[in-house]
Amino acid sequence: MRDTLISDCYIIDIPKIDAENDSSLSVVEKDIVPFEIKRVFYLYNIPDKAKRGVHAHKELFQFLIPITGSFEVIIKDGQSQTTLSLSKPNEGLLIKPGIWSELENFSKDAVCLVLASDYYDESDYLRNYEGFLAFKQKK
């Protein structure tokens, strides 16, 4: 996944069902995300100006869903970067392995749900940007 580009990461629509009582339901099933979900966690009560993420994975896929509120995700591939705003609970961002990500500008009510393709494994993390760039350059 050393050759993954930011263009390989994208927003996926999660089917939304509107009920008669003005409520909505969205369901993430096996055909929504392109990986088997092995771990689920969520971020909340994030202090002002805090950043989360700030790392990349060698093999892990992630799918970020803004359950409530909003936040921004900066993704980098070592050559390019872009910032995406997430605020709809029926949309999620697929982040593929080999992409650096930083989450920031959380609204006070933000809850970010993360679906991951594998269990926690510290050896899969690239936690400093220089190490990430070195990983991307290895052939």
Protein backbone atom coordinates (compact mmCIF):
# COMPACT_ATOMS: atom_id res chain seq x y z
CA MET A 1 0.00 0.00 0.00
CA ARG A 2 3.01 2.25 -0.38
CA ASP A 3 1.62 3.56 -3.68
CA THR A 4 -1.82 4.55 -2.34
CA LEU A 5 -2.84 8.08 -3.38
CA ILE A 6 -5.32 10.49 -1.80
CA SER A 7 -7.49 9.92 -4.88
CA ASP A 8 -7.89 6.31 -3.67
CA CYS A 9 -9.77 7.63 -0.62
CA TYR A 10 -13.35 8.73 -1.13
CA ILE A 11 -16.73 9.47 0.39
CA ILE A 12 -19.19 6.56 0.41
CA ASP A 13 -22.93 7.16 0.68
CA ILE A 14 -24.62 5.11 3.37
CA PRO A 15 -28.22 4.27 2.46
CA LYS A 16 -30.66 6.51 4.32
CA ILE A 17 -34.25 5.52 5.05
CA ASP A 18 -36.58 8.36 6.01
CA ALA A 19 -39.46 7.32 8.25
CA GLU A 20 -42.92 8.89 8.41
CA ASN A 21 -42.20 10.42 11.81
CA ASP A 22 -39.36 12.61 10.45
CA SER A 23 -36.65 10.26 11.70
CA SER A 24 -33.96 8.57 9.64
CA LEU A 25 -32.15 5.26 9.70
CA SER A 26 -28.84 4.38 8.04
CA VAL A 27 -27.37 0.90 7.94
CA VAL A 28 -23.77 -0.12 7.23
CA GLU A 29 -23.75 -3.67 5.90
CA LYS A 30 -21.09 -5.78 4.26
CA ASP A 31 -21.60 -4.30 0.78
CA ILE A 32 -21.21 -0.66 1.93
CA VAL A 33 -17.54 -0.73 2.93
CA PRO A 34 -14.95 -2.62 0.85
CA PHE A 35 -13.48 -4.57 3.78
CA GLU A 36 -14.51 -6.90 6.57
CA ILE A 37 -15.12 -4.90 9.75
CA LYS A 38 -13.10 -6.29 12.66
CA ARG A 39 -13.00 -3.31 15.02
CA VAL A 40 -15.33 -0.40 15.81
CA PHE A 41 -14.48 2.60 17.97
CA TYR A 42 -15.61 6.20 18.28
CA LEU A 43 -14.18 9.57 19.22
CA TYR A 44 -16.14 12.08 21.30
CA ASN A 45 -15.68 14.86 23.90
CA ILE A 46 -12.82 16.18 21.80
CA PRO A 47 -11.35 19.42 23.22
CA ASP A 48 -11.21 22.61 21.17
CA LYS A 49 -8.32 22.75 18.73
CA ALA A 50 -7.44 19.09 19.37
CA LYS A 51 -6.22 16.87 16.55
CA ARG A 52 -6.87 13.15 16.39
CA GLY A 53 -5.47 10.50 14.11
CA VAL A 54 -2.16 12.08 13.09
CA HIS A 55 -0.83 8.79 11.75
CA ALA A 56 -1.01 6.34 8.86
CA HIS A 57 -1.46 2.59 8.65
CA LYS A 58 0.58 0.12 6.63
CA GLU A 59 -2.27 -2.37 6.06
CA LEU A 60 -5.40 -1.16 7.88
CA PHE A 61 -8.45 0.29 6.12
CA GLN A 62 -10.67 2.75 8.01
CA PHE A 63 -14.14 4.15 7.38
CA LEU A 64 -14.98 7.36 9.28
CA ILE A 65 -18.60 8.37 9.87
CA PRO A 66 -19.66 11.66 11.52
CA ILE A 67 -22.46 10.30 13.71
CA THR A 68 -23.19 13.79 15.07
CA GLY A 69 -21.58 17.16 14.49
CA SER A 70 -18.79 17.80 12.06
CA PHE A 71 -15.03 17.67 11.64
CA GLU A 72 -12.38 17.90 8.96
CA VAL A 73 -10.01 15.19 7.76
CA ILE A 74 -6.69 16.08 6.19
CA ILE A 75 -5.34 13.22 4.09
CA LYS A 76 -1.82 13.09 2.63
CA ASP A 77 -0.08 10.60 0.36
CA GLY A 78 3.44 12.04 0.63
CA GLN A 79 3.05 14.11 -2.55
CA SER A 80 -0.38 15.71 -2.25
CA GLN A 81 -2.91 16.53 0.40
CA THR A 82 -6.54 17.54 0.64
CA THR A 83 -9.00 18.45 3.38
CA LEU A 84 -12.48 16.94 3.49
CA SER A 85 -15.33 18.14 5.71
CA LEU A 86 -17.56 15.46 7.19
CA SER A 87 -20.95 16.40 8.62
CA LYS A 88 -23.56 13.96 7.27
CA PRO A 89 -24.25 10.77 9.25
CA ASN A 90 -25.22 9.01 6.02
CA GLU A 91 -21.79 9.54 4.45
CA GLY A 92 -18.41 8.16 5.44
CA LEU A 93 -14.82 8.58 4.33
CA LEU A 94 -12.83 5.52 3.25
CA ILE A 95 -9.16 5.88 4.19
CA LYS A 96 -6.96 3.25 2.64
CA PRO A 97 -3.61 2.00 3.97
CA GLY A 98 -0.61 4.18 3.16
CA ILE A 99 -2.49 7.46 3.72
CA TRP A 100 -1.60 9.91 6.48
CA SER A 101 -4.69 11.34 8.19
CA GLU A 102 -5.34 14.10 10.70
CA LEU A 103 -8.77 14.92 12.13
CA GLU A 104 -9.39 18.47 13.35
CA ASN A 105 -11.92 21.29 13.74
CA PHE A 106 -14.39 19.15 15.65
CA SER A 107 -17.73 20.73 16.51
CA LYS A 108 -18.60 20.54 20.22
CA ASP A 109 -21.12 17.74 19.58
CA ALA A 110 -18.94 15.74 17.19
CA VAL A 111 -18.91 11.96 17.39
CA CYS A 112 -16.71 10.16 14.86
CA LEU A 113 -17.42 6.46 14.39
CA VAL A 114 -14.51 4.47 12.95
CA LEU A 115 -14.89 1.06 11.32
CA ALA A 116 -11.55 -0.73 10.92
CA SER A 117 -10.47 -3.70 8.84
CA ASP A 118 -8.42 -5.34 11.57
CA TYR A 119 -7.78 -5.53 15.29
CA TYR A 120 -5.43 -3.09 16.99
CA ASP A 121 -1.79 -3.77 16.08
CA GLU A 122 0.77 -1.14 17.06
CA SER A 123 3.24 -2.41 14.44
CA ASP A 124 0.81 -1.32 11.70
CA TYR A 125 1.01 2.35 12.75
CA LEU A 126 3.26 5.02 11.24
CA ARG A 127 3.18 7.68 13.95
CA ASN A 128 5.62 10.30 12.68
CA TYR A 129 5.44 11.98 9.31
CA GLU A 130 9.11 11.45 8.43
CA GLY A 131 8.69 7.70 9.03
CA PHE A 132 5.56 7.78 6.86
CA LEU A 133 7.49 9.45 4.02
CA ALA A 134 10.28 6.86 4.32
CA PHE A 135 7.66 4.06 4.18
CA LYS A 136 6.13 5.56 1.03
CA GLN A 137 9.52 5.80 -0.69
CA LYS A 138 10.55 2.16 -0.09
CA LYS A 139 10.02 -0.10 -3.07
